[in-house]
Protein backbone atom coordinates (compact mmCIF):
# COMPACT_ATOMS: atom_id res chain seq x y z
CA UNK A 1 -3.01 0.28 25.35
CA UNK A 2 -1.84 -1.86 27.39
CA UNK A 3 1.75 -3.24 27.05
CA UNK A 4 -0.34 -6.73 25.86
CA UNK A 5 -2.44 -5.10 23.44
CA UNK A 6 0.69 -3.52 22.04
CA UNK A 7 2.53 -6.60 21.57
CA UNK A 8 -0.62 -8.26 20.45
CA UNK A 9 -0.80 -5.84 18.10
CA UNK A 10 2.78 -5.83 16.82
CA UNK A 11 2.88 -9.73 16.43
CA UNK A 12 0.04 -9.84 14.33
CA UNK A 13 1.87 -7.00 11.61
CA UNK A 14 4.82 -9.44 11.76
CA UNK A 15 2.03 -12.17 10.89
CA UNK A 16 1.47 -10.37 7.54
CA UNK A 17 4.56 -9.40 6.70
CA UNK A 18 5.48 -12.96 6.58
CA UNK A 19 2.77 -13.95 4.71
CA UNK A 20 3.42 -10.57 1.93
CA UNK A 21 6.73 -11.86 1.12
CA UNK A 22 5.55 -15.35 1.17
CA UNK A 23 6.65 -15.86 -2.87
CA UNK A 24 3.27 -18.23 -2.88
CA UNK A 25 1.08 -16.75 -0.40
CA UNK A 26 1.53 -13.50 -2.15
CA UNK A 27 1.15 -14.72 -5.34
CA UNK A 28 -1.70 -16.22 -4.87
CA UNK A 29 -3.87 -13.64 -2.67
CA UNK A 30 -2.74 -11.34 -6.26
CA UNK A 31 -3.91 -13.92 -8.18
CA UNK A 32 -6.93 -14.05 -6.38
CA UNK A 33 -7.78 -9.98 -5.03
CA UNK A 34 -6.28 -8.41 -8.16
CA UNK A 35 -4.89 -10.15 -11.27
CA UNK A 36 -3.85 -6.63 -12.81
CA UNK A 37 -1.12 -6.10 -10.29
CA UNK A 38 -0.15 -9.69 -10.77
CA UNK A 39 0.44 -9.32 -14.34
CA UNK A 40 1.05 -5.58 -14.30
CA UNK A 41 4.64 -7.03 -12.01
CA UNK A 42 3.62 -5.13 -8.66
CA UNK A 43 5.72 -6.53 -5.54
CA UNK A 44 6.29 -5.78 -1.75
CA UNK A 45 9.70 -3.97 -1.64
CA UNK A 46 10.18 -3.96 2.18
CA UNK A 47 7.70 -3.26 4.85
CA UNK A 48 7.52 -2.84 8.40
CA UNK A 49 4.56 -1.07 11.02
CA UNK A 50 5.35 2.82 9.77
CA UNK A 51 6.11 2.45 5.89
CA UNK A 52 5.85 0.08 2.75
CA UNK A 53 8.10 0.47 -0.29
CA UNK A 54 6.37 -1.50 -3.62
CA UNK A 55 7.12 -1.05 -7.25
CA UNK A 56 5.87 -1.67 -11.14
CA UNK A 57 8.15 -2.33 -13.30
CA UNK A 58 7.82 -0.86 -17.20
CA UNK A 59 7.55 -4.18 -18.52
CA UNK A 60 5.16 -5.25 -21.90
CA UNK A 61 1.64 -5.69 -19.85
CA UNK A 62 2.70 -1.78 -17.55
CA UNK A 63 4.00 -0.01 -20.84
CA UNK A 64 1.69 2.61 -22.62
CA UNK A 65 2.02 4.13 -26.65
CA UNK A 66 4.49 6.44 -25.17
CA UNK A 67 7.48 5.02 -23.50
CA UNK A 68 6.55 4.41 -20.57
CA UNK A 69 5.19 3.31 -17.36
CA UNK A 70 1.36 3.18 -18.05
CA UNK A 71 -0.07 5.31 -15.50
CA UNK A 72 -2.64 3.49 -14.25
CA UNK A 73 -0.28 0.70 -13.13
CA UNK A 74 1.70 3.84 -10.98
CA UNK A 75 -0.82 3.67 -9.20
CA UNK A 76 -1.83 0.13 -8.43
CA UNK A 77 1.64 0.36 -6.51
CA UNK A 78 1.12 3.75 -4.77
CA UNK A 79 -1.83 1.79 -3.81
CA UNK A 80 -0.64 -0.34 -2.84
CA UNK A 81 2.28 1.07 -0.85
CA UNK A 82 -0.61 3.03 1.14
CA UNK A 83 -3.00 -0.64 1.46
CA UNK A 84 -0.29 -2.73 2.43
CA UNK A 85 0.07 -0.78 5.59
CA UNK A 86 -3.54 -0.67 6.11
CA UNK A 87 -4.20 -4.05 6.08
CA UNK A 88 -1.07 -5.20 8.23
CA UNK A 89 -2.25 -2.94 10.76
CA UNK A 90 -5.87 -4.94 10.50
CA UNK A 91 -4.90 -8.00 10.19
CA UNK A 92 -6.71 -10.02 12.52
CA UNK A 93 -8.25 -7.27 14.41
CA UNK A 94 -11.24 -7.06 16.52
CA UNK A 95 -13.28 -5.46 15.73
CA UNK A 96 -13.20 -5.72 12.24
CA UNK A 97 -12.36 -2.64 9.93
CA UNK A 98 -13.09 -2.79 6.69
CA UNK A 99 -10.91 -0.24 3.62
CA UNK A 100 -11.96 1.46 1.50
CA UNK A 101 -9.80 3.74 -0.81
CA UNK A 102 -12.20 7.26 -1.16
CA UNK A 103 -9.99 8.80 -3.41
CA UNK A 104 -7.08 9.75 -5.44
CA UNK A 105 -4.59 12.43 -6.49
CA UNK A 106 -1.50 11.84 -8.35
CA UNK A 107 0.90 14.57 -9.79
CA UNK A 108 2.95 12.93 -12.40
CA UNK A 109 6.73 14.54 -12.61
CA UNK A 110 9.29 12.45 -15.16
CA UNK A 111 8.61 9.84 -17.52
CA UNK A 112 8.37 6.40 -15.91
CA UNK A 113 10.74 4.62 -17.89
CA UNK A 114 11.96 1.61 -15.79
CA UNK A 115 11.14 0.27 -12.12
CA UNK A 116 9.66 3.06 -10.06
CA UNK A 117 9.32 2.29 -6.11
CA UNK A 118 6.62 4.01 -4.03
CA UNK A 119 7.31 4.83 -0.22
CA UNK A 120 4.50 5.05 1.72
CA UNK A 121 5.55 5.96 5.44
CA UNK A 122 2.31 6.88 6.69
CA UNK A 123 1.71 3.87 8.60
CA UNK A 124 1.50 5.53 12.22
CA UNK A 125 -1.01 8.01 10.97
CA UNK A 126 -2.82 4.85 9.70
CA UNK A 127 -3.28 2.71 12.65
CA UNK A 128 -4.10 6.26 14.72
CA UNK A 129 -6.60 7.14 12.02
CA UNK A 130 -8.35 2.74 12.38
CA UNK A 131 -7.81 3.19 16.43
CA UNK A 132 -10.36 6.25 15.80
CA UNK A 133 -12.51 4.53 14.34
CA UNK A 134 -12.45 1.63 16.94
CA UNK A 135 -12.58 3.63 19.84
CA UNK A 136 -15.77 5.55 18.47
CA UNK A 137 -17.32 3.74 16.27
CA UNK A 138 -17.41 5.82 13.71
CA UNK A 139 -15.85 6.17 10.29
CA UNK A 140 -12.81 7.97 10.21
CA UNK A 141 -10.49 8.70 6.62
CA UNK A 142 -7.12 9.82 6.07
CA UNK A 143 -4.88 11.03 3.28
CA UNK A 144 -1.72 8.87 2.69
CA UNK A 145 0.96 10.22 0.43
CA UNK A 146 2.80 7.93 -2.14
CA UNK A 147 6.21 9.29 -3.44
CA UNK A 148 8.00 7.05 -6.84
CA UNK A 149 11.85 7.40 -7.19
CA UNK A 150 13.07 5.63 -10.05
CA UNK A 151 16.08 3.72 -9.41
CA UNK A 152 17.92 7.08 -9.86
CA UNK A 153 16.41 8.70 -6.51
CA UNK A 154 14.30 10.97 -8.90
CA UNK A 155 11.09 11.64 -8.17
CA UNK A 156 8.48 10.00 -11.13
CA UNK A 157 5.06 10.35 -9.74
CA UNK A 158 3.22 11.43 -6.37
CA UNK A 159 0.38 10.10 -5.28
CA UNK A 160 -2.05 10.82 -2.03
CA UNK A 161 -4.89 8.20 -1.79
CA UNK A 162 -7.49 8.75 0.35
CA UNK A 163 -8.71 5.59 2.74
CA UNK A 164 -12.39 5.80 4.43
CA UNK A 165 -12.41 3.06 7.67
CA UNK A 166 -15.21 1.28 9.23
CA UNK A 167 -16.19 -0.87 12.03
């Protein structure tokens, strides 16, 4: 890959990041595409081409009857930490590449009673999977890991999100 292509990819990722951190654009995106994530309070806290951190609060709309965050809200935040990385690498890319979750695995370790932060640092692996799909014309799959921790840094949950990419 040429240096101009690398810098163009990086430039597009930076443009995507600026949209994600634009208060109005991101909330409008959630309202139109992921309203349950908007109402649950899922947010992107950090984003680079290699790492994404999302968070979900423990509040009225995200709680369950057992005094913790509902597992589906945790899953939304975990999936978003992996999906935003993929979306960033696909932003304005030619040819167009579709992305689809094909499987989810979850392990719940500790009761989630406060804000939980999910970290995915598989950005390089996600990009490699996307490039493989583009270069070969075949679908490509990856398992992306999202680790959820509370404010004290204790592991709350671990998710493995399986993504498929196809030109």
